[in-house]
Structure formats: C-alpha cells, structure tokens
Amino acid sequence: MRHHLTVSPVVAGVAAFGLLFAAGAQATMYRYTDENGRLVISNTIPQEATKRGYDILSNNGRVVETVAPAPTAEEIAAREAEKERQKQLEIQQEQDRLLLKRFSHPDQAVRAMHRKI
C-alpha cells in the first residue's frame, strides 16, 4: 500500500511567501564612522559617509565586505605621477632596446654620435 502526500496550492503558496519574506528580512547592514567620529550601524548609509569608507555586515553582524575610503586629492595626484613615471620608464626602455638592437656595444654608439658632429 503506497501513501501519497498531496500539498494544496494554498499551502504551497504560503510556504513560498514565507521563504521569500525570510530572504528579504535579511537586510544589509552598514557600519561606518559618522562626522563626529562615532561608530554607527544602520541599514542605510549617508552619502557623506561613503567617502570615509564603510563595512557591509551580514545579518549576524559579521563583516562581509569592506569598502575603502575615497582617495584624497594627494593620493590621486600621487597615482597620476606614478602612472606618468611608469610611462616614461617604458619609453626609455623601448629607446634602450632599439639602441641595443642597432649597436652591439656602447662605444659604437659614441663613435656614431661623434661622426655626426
């Protein structure tokens, strides 16, 4: 004798709604430092607090992700200067490579330079 379990559509709908509601109840929480230096935990984060960096917390309070503070003007300038330095270094390396390809020894390059003068 076999027993069959039947679930009514109403019960299935209520169960599905309960699962969706439980998933939505796990709201994201944020931890940030406010303008007065106090640590705040909230389900929203003000625009000005995003510039200082913040943590995204799980529903049990564990840090899921840390968002770094926005870079300062000095940090941005330093990054740009480093990019420019790197670009100049690459140009110099390419010029050196071409010279080494053309001349087998530095003395040959010096002699060629003197011939042009």
PDB file of N, CA and C in Angstrom:
ATOM      1  N   MET A   1       0.837  -1.166   0.000  1.00  0.00           N
ATOM      2  CA  MET A   1       0.000   0.000   0.000  1.00  0.00           C
ATOM      3  C   MET A   1       0.889   1.238   0.000  1.00  0.00           C
ATOM      4  N   ARG A   2       0.685   2.122  -0.951  1.00  0.00           N
ATOM      5  CA  ARG A   2       1.510   3.320  -1.072  1.00  0.00           C
ATOM      6  C   ARG A   2       0.722   4.512  -0.570  1.00  0.00           C
ATOM      7  N   HIS A   3       1.435   5.385   0.123  1.00  0.00           N
ATOM      8  CA  HIS A   3       0.817   6.616   0.610  1.00  0.00           C
ATOM      9  C   HIS A   3       1.328   7.771  -0.233  1.00  0.00           C
ATOM     10  N   HIS A   4       0.471   8.640  -0.640  1.00  0.00           N
ATOM     11  CA  HIS A   4       0.846   9.807  -1.430  1.00  0.00           C
ATOM     12  C   HIS A   4       0.597  11.057  -0.600  1.00  0.00           C
ATOM     13  N   LEU A   5       1.549  11.944  -0.644  1.00  0.00           N
ATOM     14  CA  LEU A   5       1.420  13.214   0.067  1.00  0.00           C
ATOM     15  C   LEU A   5       1.013  14.263  -0.947  1.00  0.00           C
ATOM     16  N   THR A   6      -0.085  14.904  -0.692  1.00  0.00           N
ATOM     17  CA  THR A   6      -0.528  15.974  -1.584  1.00  0.00           C
ATOM     18  C   THR A   6      -0.503  17.281  -0.815  1.00  0.00           C
ATOM     19  N   VAL A   7      -0.020  18.298  -1.496  1.00  0.00           N
ATOM     20  CA  VAL A   7       0.064  19.623  -0.890  1.00  0.00           C
ATOM     21  C   VAL A   7      -0.861  20.532  -1.670  1.00  0.00           C
ATOM     22  N   SER A   8      -1.717  21.195  -0.940  1.00  0.00           N
ATOM     23  CA  SER A   8      -2.652  22.084  -1.629  1.00  0.00           C
ATOM     24  C   SER A   8      -1.913  23.309  -2.154  1.00  0.00           C
ATOM     25  N   PRO A   9      -2.400  23.907  -3.217  1.00  0.00           N
ATOM     26  CA  PRO A   9      -1.759  25.106  -3.768  1.00  0.00           C
ATOM     27  C   PRO A   9      -1.699  26.256  -2.766  1.00  0.00           C
ATOM     28  N   VAL A  10      -2.659  26.340  -1.877  1.00  0.00           N
ATOM     29  CA  VAL A  10      -2.663  27.410  -0.874  1.00  0.00           C
ATOM     30  C   VAL A  10      -1.500  27.219   0.090  1.00  0.00           C
ATOM     31  N   VAL A  11      -1.290  26.003   0.557  1.00  0.00           N
ATOM     32  CA  VAL A  11      -0.191  25.721   1.479  1.00  0.00           C
ATOM     33  C   VAL A  11       1.142  25.971   0.783  1.00  0.00           C
ATOM     34  N   ALA A  12       1.263  25.552  -0.460  1.00  0.00           N
ATOM     35  CA  ALA A  12       2.499  25.779  -1.210  1.00  0.00           C
ATOM     36  C   ALA A  12       2.748  27.274  -1.394  1.00  0.00           C
ATOM     37  N   GLY A  13       1.702  28.029  -1.683  1.00  0.00           N
ATOM     38  CA  GLY A  13       1.842  29.483  -1.852  1.00  0.00           C
ATOM     39  C   GLY A  13       2.271  30.161  -0.565  1.00  0.00           C
ATOM     40  N   VAL A  14       1.681  29.756   0.560  1.00  0.00           N
ATOM     41  CA  VAL A  14       2.050  30.336   1.855  1.00  0.00           C
ATOM     42  C   VAL A  14       3.501  29.998   2.185  1.00  0.00           C
ATOM     43  N   ALA A  15       3.923  28.779   1.905  1.00  0.00           N
ATOM     44  CA  ALA A  15       5.310  28.383   2.177  1.00  0.00           C
ATOM     45  C   ALA A  15       6.277  29.181   1.311  1.00  0.00           C
ATOM     46  N   ALA A  16       5.943  29.358   0.044  1.00  0.00           N
ATOM     47  CA  ALA A  16       6.814  30.136  -0.851  1.00  0.00           C
ATOM     48  C   ALA A  16       6.893  31.586  -0.391  1.00  0.00           C
ATOM     49  N   PHE A  17       5.763  32.168   0.009  1.00  0.00           N
ATOM     50  CA  PHE A  17       5.764  33.544   0.500  1.00  0.00           C
ATOM     51  C   PHE A  17       6.618  33.661   1.757  1.00  0.00           C
ATOM     52  N   GLY A  18       6.525  32.671   2.630  1.00  0.00           N
ATOM     53  CA  GLY A  18       7.331  32.685   3.852  1.00  0.00           C
ATOM     54  C   GLY A  18       8.819  32.650   3.551  1.00  0.00           C
ATOM     55  N   LEU A  19       9.213  31.845   2.577  1.00  0.00           N
ATOM     56  CA  LEU A  19      10.626  31.788   2.194  1.00  0.00           C
ATOM     57  C   LEU A  19      11.090  33.113   1.599  1.00  0.00           C
ATOM     58  N   LEU A  20      10.272  33.708   0.746  1.00  0.00           N
ATOM     59  CA  LEU A  20      10.636  34.999   0.156  1.00  0.00           C
ATOM     60  C   LEU A  20      10.732  36.081   1.222  1.00  0.00           C
ATOM     61  N   PHE A  21       9.797  36.073   2.156  1.00  0.00           N
ATOM     62  CA  PHE A  21       9.815  37.075   3.222  1.00  0.00           C
ATOM     63  C   PHE A  21      11.047  36.901   4.101  1.00  0.00           C
ATOM     64  N   ALA A  22      11.405  35.649   4.399  1.00  0.00           N
ATOM     65  CA  ALA A  22      12.583  35.395   5.235  1.00  0.00           C
ATOM     66  C   ALA A  22      13.847  35.859   4.531  1.00  0.00           C
ATOM     67  N   ALA A  23      13.937  35.650   3.222  1.00  0.00           N
ATOM     68  CA  ALA A  23      15.117  36.098   2.475  1.00  0.00           C
ATOM     69  C   ALA A  23      15.188  37.616   2.463  1.00  0.00           C
ATOM     70  N   GLY A  24      14.050  38.277   2.319  1.00  0.00           N
ATOM     71  CA  GLY A  24      14.029  39.740   2.314  1.00  0.00           C
ATOM     72  C   GLY A  24      14.282  40.328   3.686  1.00  0.00           C
ATOM     73  N   ALA A  25      14.030  39.548   4.730  1.00  0.00           N
ATOM     74  CA  ALA A  25      14.226  40.053   6.086  1.00  0.00           C
ATOM     75  C   ALA A  25      15.699  40.164   6.436  1.00  0.00           C
ATOM     76  N   GLN A  26      16.555  39.539   5.655  1.00  0.00           N
ATOM     77  CA  GLN A  26      17.991  39.611   5.906  1.00  0.00           C
ATOM     78  C   GLN A  26      18.536  40.881   5.268  1.00  0.00           C
ATOM     79  N   ALA A  27      18.129  41.997   5.806  1.00  0.00           N
ATOM     80  CA  ALA A  27      18.528  43.288   5.250  1.00  0.00           C
ATOM     81  C   ALA A  27      20.019  43.510   5.447  1.00  0.00           C
ATOM     82  N   THR A  28      20.612  44.177   4.489  1.00  0.00           N
ATOM     83  CA  THR A  28      22.025  44.515   4.575  1.00  0.00           C
ATOM     84  C   THR A  28      22.209  45.613   5.607  1.00  0.00           C
ATOM     85  N   MET A  29      23.226  45.454   6.424  1.00  0.00           N
ATOM     86  CA  MET A  29      23.548  46.461   7.433  1.00  0.00           C
ATOM     87  C   MET A  29      24.910  47.052   7.096  1.00  0.00           C
ATOM     88  N   TYR A  30      25.085  48.305   7.472  1.00  0.00           N
ATOM     89  CA  TYR A  30      26.335  49.015   7.210  1.00  0.00           C
ATOM     90  C   TYR A  30      26.913  49.528   8.518  1.00  0.00           C
ATOM     91  N   ARG A  31      28.234  49.503   8.607  1.00  0.00           N
ATOM     92  CA  ARG A  31      28.926  50.064   9.766  1.00  0.00           C
ATOM     93  C   ARG A  31      29.873  51.131   9.231  1.00  0.00           C
ATOM     94  N   TYR A  32      29.729  52.335   9.773  1.00  0.00           N
ATOM     95  CA  TYR A  32      30.553  53.449   9.314  1.00  0.00           C
ATOM     96  C   TYR A  32      30.801  54.405  10.469  1.00  0.00           C
ATOM     97  N   THR A  33      31.737  55.318  10.269  1.00  0.00           N
ATOM     98  CA  THR A  33      32.036  56.346  11.260  1.00  0.00           C
ATOM     99  C   THR A  33      31.361  57.631  10.807  1.00  0.00           C
ATOM    100  N   ASP A  34      30.567  58.234  11.697  1.00  0.00           N
ATOM    101  CA  ASP A  34      29.873  59.469  11.315  1.00  0.00           C
ATOM    102  C   ASP A  34      30.801  60.676  11.415  1.00  0.00           C
ATOM    103  N   GLU A  35      30.264  61.858  11.101  1.00  0.00           N
ATOM    104  CA  GLU A  35      31.086  63.082  11.089  1.00  0.00           C
ATOM    105  C   GLU A  35      31.620  63.455  12.466  1.00  0.00           C
ATOM    106  N   ASN A  36      31.055  62.880  13.533  1.00  0.00           N
ATOM    107  CA  ASN A  36      31.533  63.145  14.896  1.00  0.00           C
ATOM    108  C   ASN A  36      32.515  62.082  15.380  1.00  0.00           C
ATOM    109  N   GLY A  37      32.851  61.134  14.508  1.00  0.00           N
ATOM    110  CA  GLY A  37      33.804  60.098  14.883  1.00  0.00           C
ATOM    111  C   GLY A  37      33.184  58.910  15.595  1.00  0.00           C
ATOM    112  N   ARG A  38      31.863  58.854  15.677  1.00  0.00           N
ATOM    113  CA  ARG A  38      31.180  57.736  16.340  1.00  0.00           C
ATOM    114  C   ARG A  38      30.914  56.608  15.354  1.00  0.00           C
ATOM    115  N   LEU A  39      31.050  55.389  15.837  1.00  0.00           N
ATOM    116  CA  LEU A  39      30.774  54.213  15.020  1.00  0.00           C
ATOM    117  C   LEU A  39      29.265  54.004  14.969  1.00  0.00           C
ATOM    118  N   VAL A  40      28.708  53.878  13.763  1.00  0.00           N
ATOM    119  CA  VAL A  40      27.268  53.743  13.562  1.00  0.00           C
ATOM    120  C   VAL A  40      27.002  52.463  12.780  1.00  0.00           C
ATOM    121  N   ILE A  41      25.959  51.733  13.193  1.00  0.00           N
ATOM    122  CA  ILE A  41      25.488  50.577  12.435  1.00  0.00           C
ATOM    123  C   ILE A  41      24.055  50.878  12.039  1.00  0.00           C
ATOM    124  N   SER A  42      23.780  50.800  10.733  1.00  0.00           N
ATOM    125  CA  SER A  42      22.465  51.174  10.224  1.00  0.00           C
ATOM    126  C   SER A  42      22.163  50.374   8.967  1.00  0.00           C
ATOM    127  N   ASN A  43      20.874  50.353   8.578  1.00  0.00           N
ATOM    128  CA  ASN A  43      20.517  49.675   7.332  1.00  0.00           C
ATOM    129  C   ASN A  43      20.601  50.611   6.129  1.00  0.00           C
ATOM    130  N   THR A  44      20.949  51.868   6.372  1.00  0.00           N
ATOM    131  CA  THR A  44      21.215  52.826   5.298  1.00  0.00           C
ATOM    132  C   THR A  44      22.540  53.510   5.595  1.00  0.00           C
ATOM    133  N   ILE A  45      23.122  54.092   4.565  1.00  0.00           N
ATOM    134  CA  ILE A  45      24.386  54.791   4.759  1.00  0.00           C
ATOM    135  C   ILE A  45      24.289  56.146   4.075  1.00  0.00           C
ATOM    136  N   PRO A  46      24.587  57.233   4.798  1.00  0.00           N
ATOM    137  CA  PRO A  46      24.518  58.559   4.190  1.00  0.00           C
ATOM    138  C   PRO A  46      25.601  58.743   3.126  1.00  0.00           C
ATOM    139  N   GLN A  47      25.321  59.597   2.156  1.00  0.00           N
ATOM    140  CA  GLN A  47      26.258  59.841   1.059  1.00  0.00           C
ATOM    141  C   GLN A  47      27.621  60.296   1.573  1.00  0.00           C
ATOM    142  N   GLU A  48      27.647  61.194   2.549  1.00  0.00           N
ATOM    143  CA  GLU A  48      28.933  61.707   3.049  1.00  0.00           C
ATOM    144  C   GLU A  48      29.743  60.628   3.767  1.00  0.00           C
ATOM    145  N   ALA A  49      29.073  59.614   4.302  1.00  0.00           N
ATOM    146  CA  ALA A  49      29.787  58.533   4.994  1.00  0.00           C
ATOM    147  C   ALA A  49      30.472  57.596   4.000  1.00  0.00           C
ATOM    148  N   THR A  50      29.975  57.520   2.778  1.00  0.00           N
ATOM    149  CA  THR A  50      30.593  56.636   1.788  1.00  0.00           C
ATOM    150  C   THR A  50      31.994  57.109   1.431  1.00  0.00           C
ATOM    151  N   LYS A  51      32.249  58.394   1.557  1.00  0.00           N
ATOM    152  CA  LYS A  51      33.576  58.939   1.246  1.00  0.00           C
ATOM    153  C   LYS A  51      34.616  58.498   2.268  1.00  0.00           C
ATOM    154  N   ARG A  52      34.168  58.196   3.490  1.00  0.00           N
ATOM    155  CA  ARG A  52      35.094  57.800   4.557  1.00  0.00           C
ATOM    156  C   ARG A  52      35.310  56.292   4.618  1.00  0.00           C
ATOM    157  N   GLY A  53      34.569  55.540   3.810  1.00  0.00           N
ATOM    158  CA  GLY A  53      34.683  54.088   3.832  1.00  0.00           C
ATOM    159  C   GLY A  53      33.708  53.488   4.834  1.00  0.00           C
ATOM    160  N   TYR A  54      33.369  52.226   4.621  1.00  0.00           N
ATOM    161  CA  TYR A  54      32.408  51.564   5.497  1.00  0.00           C
ATOM    162  C   TYR A  54      32.517  50.056   5.341  1.00  0.00           C
ATOM    163  N   ASP A  55      31.853  49.344   6.257  1.00  0.00           N
ATOM    164  CA  ASP A  55      31.802  47.886   6.217  1.00  0.00           C
ATOM    165  C   ASP A  55      30.378  47.457   5.906  1.00  0.00           C
ATOM    166  N   ILE A  56      30.241  46.393   5.130  1.00  0.00           N
ATOM    167  CA  ILE A  56      28.942  45.783   4.891  1.00  0.00           C
ATOM    168  C   ILE A  56      28.876  44.563   5.795  1.00  0.00           C
ATOM    169  N   LEU A  57      27.809  44.495   6.603  1.00  0.00           N
ATOM    170  CA  LEU A  57      27.672  43.434   7.603  1.00  0.00           C
ATOM    171  C   LEU A  57      26.608  42.429   7.192  1.00  0.00           C
ATOM    172  N   SER A  58      26.793  41.183   7.606  1.00  0.00           N
ATOM    173  CA  SER A  58      25.772  40.159   7.390  1.00  0.00           C
ATOM    174  C   SER A  58      24.688  40.338   8.448  1.00  0.00           C
ATOM    175  N   ASN A  59      23.630  39.531   8.342  1.00  0.00           N
ATOM    176  CA  ASN A  59      22.542  39.662   9.313  1.00  0.00           C
ATOM    177  C   ASN A  59      22.956  39.261  10.723  1.00  0.00           C
ATOM    178  N   ASN A  60      24.084  38.539  10.875  1.00  0.00           N
ATOM    179  CA  ASN A  60      24.558  38.210  12.220  1.00  0.00           C
ATOM    180  C   ASN A  60      25.701  39.120  12.668  1.00  0.00           C
ATOM    181  N   GLY A  61      25.961  40.192  11.922  1.00  0.00           N
ATOM    182  CA  GLY A  61      26.931  41.196  12.358  1.00  0.00           C
ATOM    183  C   GLY A  61      28.357  40.984  11.896  1.00  0.00           C
ATOM    184  N   ARG A  62      28.597  39.990  11.086  1.00  0.00           N
ATOM    185  CA  ARG A  62      29.959  39.749  10.589  1.00  0.00           C
ATOM    186  C   ARG A  62      30.230  40.601   9.355  1.00  0.00           C
ATOM    187  N   VAL A  63      31.472  41.020   9.222  1.00  0.00           N
ATOM    188  CA  VAL A  63      31.855  41.847   8.077  1.00  0.00           C
ATOM    189  C   VAL A  63      31.887  40.971   6.825  1.00  0.00           C
ATOM    190  N   VAL A  64      31.085  41.352   5.837  1.00  0.00           N
ATOM    191  CA  VAL A  64      31.024  40.645   4.567  1.00  0.00           C
ATOM    192  C   VAL A  64      31.997  41.280   3.579  1.00  0.00           C
ATOM    193  N   GLU A  65      32.052  42.613   3.601  1.00  0.00           N
ATOM    194  CA  GLU A  65      32.912  43.345   2.673  1.00  0.00           C
ATOM    195  C   GLU A  65      33.298  44.673   3.307  1.00  0.00           C
ATOM    196  N   THR A  66      34.506  45.122   3.031  1.00  0.00           N
ATOM    197  CA  THR A  66      34.966  46.430   3.486  1.00  0.00           C
ATOM    198  C   THR A  66      35.170  47.303   2.261  1.00  0.00           C
ATOM    199  N   VAL A  67      34.517  48.459   2.264  1.00  0.00           N
ATOM    200  CA  VAL A  67      34.647  49.417   1.166  1.00  0.00           C
ATOM    201  C   VAL A  67      35.632  50.481   1.615  1.00  0.00           C
ATOM    202  N   ALA A  68      36.699  50.639   0.859  1.00  0.00           N
ATOM    203  CA  ALA A  68      37.767  51.585   1.220  1.00  0.00           C
ATOM    204  C   ALA A  68      37.278  53.022   1.076  1.00  0.00           C
ATOM    205  N   PRO A  69      37.888  53.934   1.836  1.00  0.00           N
ATOM    206  CA  PRO A  69      37.532  55.347   1.695  1.00  0.00           C
ATOM    207  C   PRO A  69      37.906  55.866   0.314  1.00  0.00           C
ATOM    208  N   ALA A  70      37.235  56.921  -0.100  1.00  0.00           N
ATOM    209  CA  ALA A  70      37.566  57.561  -1.376  1.00  0.00           C
ATOM    210  C   ALA A  70      38.972  58.141  -1.279  1.00  0.00           C
ATOM    211  N   PRO A  71      39.747  58.076  -2.357  1.00  0.00           N
ATOM    212  CA  PRO A  71      41.114  58.615  -2.303  1.00  0.00           C
ATOM    213  C   PRO A  71      41.111  60.135  -2.156  1.00  0.00           C
ATOM    214  N   THR A  72      42.113  60.640  -1.438  1.00  0.00           N
ATOM    215  CA  THR A  72      42.254  62.086  -1.272  1.00  0.00           C
ATOM    216  C   THR A  72      42.859  62.672  -2.542  1.00  0.00           C
ATOM    217  N   ALA A  73      42.854  63.987  -2.639  1.00  0.00           N
ATOM    218  CA  ALA A  73      43.439  64.661  -3.803  1.00  0.00           C
ATOM    219  C   ALA A  73      44.927  64.329  -3.917  1.00  0.00           C
ATOM    220  N   GLU A  74      45.607  64.247  -2.772  1.00  0.00           N
ATOM    221  CA  GLU A  74      47.038  63.914  -2.779  1.00  0.00           C
ATOM    222  C   GLU A  74      47.270  62.494  -3.296  1.00  0.00           C
ATOM    223  N   GLU A  75      46.408  61.554  -2.873  1.00  0.00           N
ATOM    224  CA  GLU A  75      46.547  60.171  -3.330  1.00  0.00           C
ATOM    225  C   GLU A  75      46.297  60.060  -4.835  1.00  0.00           C
ATOM    226  N   ILE A  76      45.314  60.804  -5.314  1.00  0.00           N
ATOM    227  CA  ILE A  76      45.026  60.800  -6.750  1.00  0.00           C
ATOM    228  C   ILE A  76      46.209  61.371  -7.521  1.00  0.00           C
ATOM    229  N   ALA A  77      46.768  62.486  -7.028  1.00  0.00           N
ATOM    230  CA  ALA A  77      47.929  63.102  -7.683  1.00  0.00           C
ATOM    231  C   ALA A  77      49.125  62.151  -7.670  1.00  0.00           C
ATOM    232  N   ALA A  78      49.326  61.454  -6.556  1.00  0.00           N
ATOM    233  CA  ALA A  78      50.445  60.506  -6.462  1.00  0.00           C
ATOM    234  C   ALA A  78      50.265  59.357  -7.456  1.00  0.00           C
ATOM    235  N   ARG A  79      49.030  58.860  -7.607  1.00  0.00           N
ATOM    236  CA  ARG A  79      48.769  57.788  -8.578  1.00  0.00           C
ATOM    237  C   ARG A  79      49.051  58.257 -10.002  1.00  0.00           C
ATOM    238  N   GLU A  80      48.610  59.485 -10.309  1.00  0.00           N
ATOM    239  CA  GLU A  80      48.840  60.033 -11.651  1.00  0.00           C
ATOM    240  C   GLU A  80      50.330  60.209 -11.912  1.00  0.00           C
ATOM    241  N   ALA A  81      51.056  60.694 -10.902  1.00  0.00           N
ATOM    242  CA  ALA A  81      52.505  60.872 -11.049  1.00  0.00           C
ATOM    243  C   ALA A  81      53.185  59.522 -11.264  1.00  0.00           C
ATOM    244  N   GLU A  82      52.736  58.504 -10.552  1.00  0.00           N
ATOM    245  CA  GLU A  82      53.311  57.164 -10.712  1.00  0.00           C
ATOM    246  C   GLU A  82      53.017  56.616 -12.114  1.00  0.00           C
ATOM    247  N   LYS A  83      51.806  56.849 -12.610  1.00  0.00           N
ATOM    248  CA  LYS A  83      51.470  56.409 -13.970  1.00  0.00           C
ATOM    249  C   LYS A  83      52.373  57.091 -14.994  1.00  0.00           C
ATOM    250  N   GLU A  84      52.595  58.400 -14.823  1.00  0.00           N
ATOM    251  CA  GLU A  84      53.450  59.147 -15.747  1.00  0.00           C
ATOM    252  C   GLU A  84      54.890  58.645 -15.673  1.00  0.00           C
ATOM    253  N   ARG A  85      55.374  58.391 -14.451  1.00  0.00           N
ATOM    254  CA  ARG A  85      56.731  57.867 -14.277  1.00  0.00           C
ATOM    255  C   ARG A  85      56.865  56.507 -14.963  1.00  0.00           C
ATOM    256  N   GLN A  86      55.863  55.676 -14.796  1.00  0.00           N
ATOM    257  CA  GLN A  86      55.867  54.345 -15.417  1.00  0.00           C
ATOM    258  C   GLN A  86      55.865  54.461 -16.943  1.00  0.00           C
ATOM    259  N   LYS A  87      55.089  55.413 -17.465  1.00  0.00           N
ATOM    260  CA  LYS A  87      55.032  55.630 -18.914  1.00  0.00           C
ATOM    261  C   LYS A  87      56.398  56.071 -19.442  1.00  0.00           C
ATOM    262  N   GLN A  88      57.047  57.006 -18.740  1.00  0.00           N
ATOM    263  CA  GLN A  88      58.367  57.480 -19.156  1.00  0.00           C
ATOM    264  C   GLN A  88      59.404  56.354 -19.092  1.00  0.00           C
ATOM    265  N   LEU A  89      59.291  55.518 -18.079  1.00  0.00           N
ATOM    266  CA  LEU A  89      60.200  54.377 -17.950  1.00  0.00           C
ATOM    267  C   LEU A  89      60.043  53.423 -19.134  1.00  0.00           C
ATOM    268  N   GLU A  90      58.809  53.162 -19.532  1.00  0.00           N
ATOM    269  CA  GLU A  90      58.559  52.283 -20.677  1.00  0.00           C
ATOM    270  C   GLU A  90      59.129  52.883 -21.962  1.00  0.00           C
ATOM    271  N   ILE A  91      58.978  54.198 -22.140  1.00  0.00           N
ATOM    272  CA  ILE A  91      59.538  54.868 -23.321  1.00  0.00           C
ATOM    273  C   ILE A  91      61.055  54.726 -23.329  1.00  0.00           C
ATOM    274  N   GLN A  92      61.672  54.958 -22.172  1.00  0.00           N
ATOM    275  CA  GLN A  92      63.132  54.851 -22.077  1.00  0.00           C
ATOM    276  C   GLN A  92      63.598  53.426 -22.355  1.00  0.00           C
ATOM    277  N   GLN A  93      62.874  52.446 -21.837  1.00  0.00           N
ATOM    278  CA  GLN A  93      63.245  51.048 -22.074  1.00  0.00           C
ATOM    279  C   GLN A  93      63.142  50.694 -23.556  1.00  0.00           C
ATOM    280  N   GLU A  94      62.134  51.224 -24.227  1.00  0.00           N
ATOM    281  CA  GLU A  94      61.989  50.970 -25.662  1.00  0.00           C
ATOM    282  C   GLU A  94      63.132  51.615 -26.440  1.00  0.00           C
ATOM    283  N   GLN A  95      63.499  52.843 -26.064  1.00  0.00           N
ATOM    284  CA  GLN A  95      64.631  53.510 -26.722  1.00  0.00           C
ATOM    285  C   GLN A  95      65.930  52.733 -26.480  1.00  0.00           C
ATOM    286  N   ASP A  96      66.122  52.272 -25.268  1.00  0.00           N
ATOM    287  CA  ASP A  96      67.314  51.474 -24.950  1.00  0.00           C
ATOM    288  C   ASP A  96      67.340  50.178 -25.761  1.00  0.00           C
ATOM    289  N   ARG A  97      66.201  49.549 -25.891  1.00  0.00           N
ATOM    290  CA  ARG A  97      66.110  48.305 -26.653  1.00  0.00           C
ATOM    291  C   ARG A  97      66.489  48.548 -28.115  1.00  0.00           C
ATOM    292  N   LEU A  98      65.994  49.663 -28.679  1.00  0.00           N
ATOM    293  CA  LEU A  98      66.322  49.982 -30.071  1.00  0.00           C
ATOM    294  C   LEU A  98      67.812  50.274 -30.248  1.00  0.00           C
ATOM    295  N   LEU A  99      68.395  50.990 -29.288  1.00  0.00           N
ATOM    296  CA  LEU A  99      69.835  51.267 -29.360  1.00  0.00           C
ATOM    297  C   LEU A  99      70.652  49.982 -29.267  1.00  0.00           C
ATOM    298  N   LEU A 100      70.259  49.094 -28.359  1.00  0.00           N
ATOM    299  CA  LEU A 100      70.981  47.824 -28.218  1.00  0.00           C
ATOM    300  C   LEU A 100      70.832  46.956 -29.465  1.00  0.00           C
ATOM    301  N   LYS A 101      69.711  47.098 -30.133  1.00  0.00           N
ATOM    302  CA  LYS A 101      69.495  46.342 -31.360  1.00  0.00           C
ATOM    303  C   LYS A 101      70.391  46.887 -32.485  1.00  0.00           C
ATOM    304  N   ARG A 102      70.582  48.206 -32.489  1.00  0.00           N
ATOM    305  CA  ARG A 102      71.364  48.854 -33.548  1.00  0.00           C
ATOM    306  C   ARG A 102      72.874  48.766 -33.300  1.00  0.00           C
ATOM    307  N   PHE A 103      73.277  48.926 -32.036  1.00  0.00           N
ATOM    308  CA  PHE A 103      74.706  48.931 -31.686  1.00  0.00           C
ATOM    309  C   PHE A 103      74.985  47.777 -30.731  1.00  0.00           C
ATOM    310  N   SER A 104      76.045  47.039 -31.010  1.00  0.00           N
ATOM    311  CA  SER A 104      76.367  45.895 -30.159  1.00  0.00           C
ATOM    312  C   SER A 104      77.114  46.308 -28.896  1.00  0.00           C
ATOM    313  N   HIS A 105      77.711  47.510 -28.902  1.00  0.00           N
ATOM    314  CA  HIS A 105      78.477  47.974 -27.746  1.00  0.00           C
ATOM    315  C   HIS A 105      78.276  49.481 -27.609  1.00  0.00           C
ATOM    316  N   PRO A 106      78.272  50.007 -26.380  1.00  0.00           N
ATOM    317  CA  PRO A 106      78.096  51.452 -26.194  1.00  0.00           C
ATOM    318  C   PRO A 106      79.134  52.291 -26.944  1.00  0.00           C
ATOM    319  N   ASP A 107      80.353  51.767 -27.101  1.00  0.00           N
ATOM    320  CA  ASP A 107      81.392  52.517 -27.824  1.00  0.00           C
ATOM    321  C   ASP A 107      80.981  52.779 -29.272  1.00  0.00           C
ATOM    322  N   GLN A 108      80.285  51.844 -29.880  1.00  0.00           N
ATOM    323  CA  GLN A 108      79.823  52.043 -31.255  1.00  0.00           C
ATOM    324  C   GLN A 108      78.840  53.206 -31.334  1.00  0.00           C
ATOM    325  N   ALA A 109      77.978  53.325 -30.342  1.00  0.00           N
ATOM    326  CA  ALA A 109      77.015  54.430 -30.314  1.00  0.00           C
ATOM    327  C   ALA A 109      77.736  55.757 -30.163  1.00  0.00           C
ATOM    328  N   VAL A 110      78.768  55.797 -29.321  1.00  0.00           N
ATOM    329  CA  VAL A 110      79.537  57.033 -29.115  1.00  0.00           C
ATOM    330  C   VAL A 110      80.257  57.412 -30.408  1.00  0.00           C
ATOM    331  N   ARG A 111      80.869  56.444 -31.081  1.00  0.00           N
ATOM    332  CA  ARG A 111      81.566  56.733 -32.346  1.00  0.00           C
ATOM    333  C   ARG A 111      80.594  57.238 -33.407  1.00  0.00           C
ATOM    334  N   ALA A 112      79.418  56.645 -33.473  1.00  0.00           N
ATOM    335  CA  ALA A 112      78.412  57.094 -34.444  1.00  0.00           C
ATOM    336  C   ALA A 112      77.973  58.516 -34.132  1.00  0.00           C
ATOM    337  N   MET A 113      77.844  58.837 -32.856  1.00  0.00           N
ATOM    338  CA  MET A 113      77.459  60.189 -32.455  1.00  0.00           C
ATOM    339  C   MET A 113      78.552  61.185 -32.856  1.00  0.00           C
ATOM    340  N   HIS A 114      79.819  60.840 -32.648  1.00  0.00           N
ATOM    341  CA  HIS A 114      80.930  61.733 -32.998  1.00  0.00           C
ATOM    342  C   HIS A 114      81.035  61.918 -34.518  1.00  0.00           C
ATOM    343  N   ARG A 115      80.720  60.902 -35.281  1.00  0.00           N
ATOM    344  CA  ARG A 115      80.762  61.034 -36.741  1.00  0.00           C
ATOM    345  C   ARG A 115      79.732  62.044 -37.224  1.00  0.00           C
ATOM    346  N   LYS A 116      78.579  62.105 -36.560  1.00  0.00           N
ATOM    347  CA  LYS A 116      77.530  63.047 -36.964  1.00  0.00           C
ATOM    348  C   LYS A 116      77.882  64.479 -36.596  1.00  0.00           C
ATOM    349  N   ILE A 117      78.725  64.668 -35.599  1.00  0.00           N
ATOM    350  CA  ILE A 117      79.084  66.012 -35.140  1.00  0.00           C
ATOM    351  C   ILE A 117      80.081  66.606 -36.014  1.00  0.00           C
TER     352      ILE A 117
END
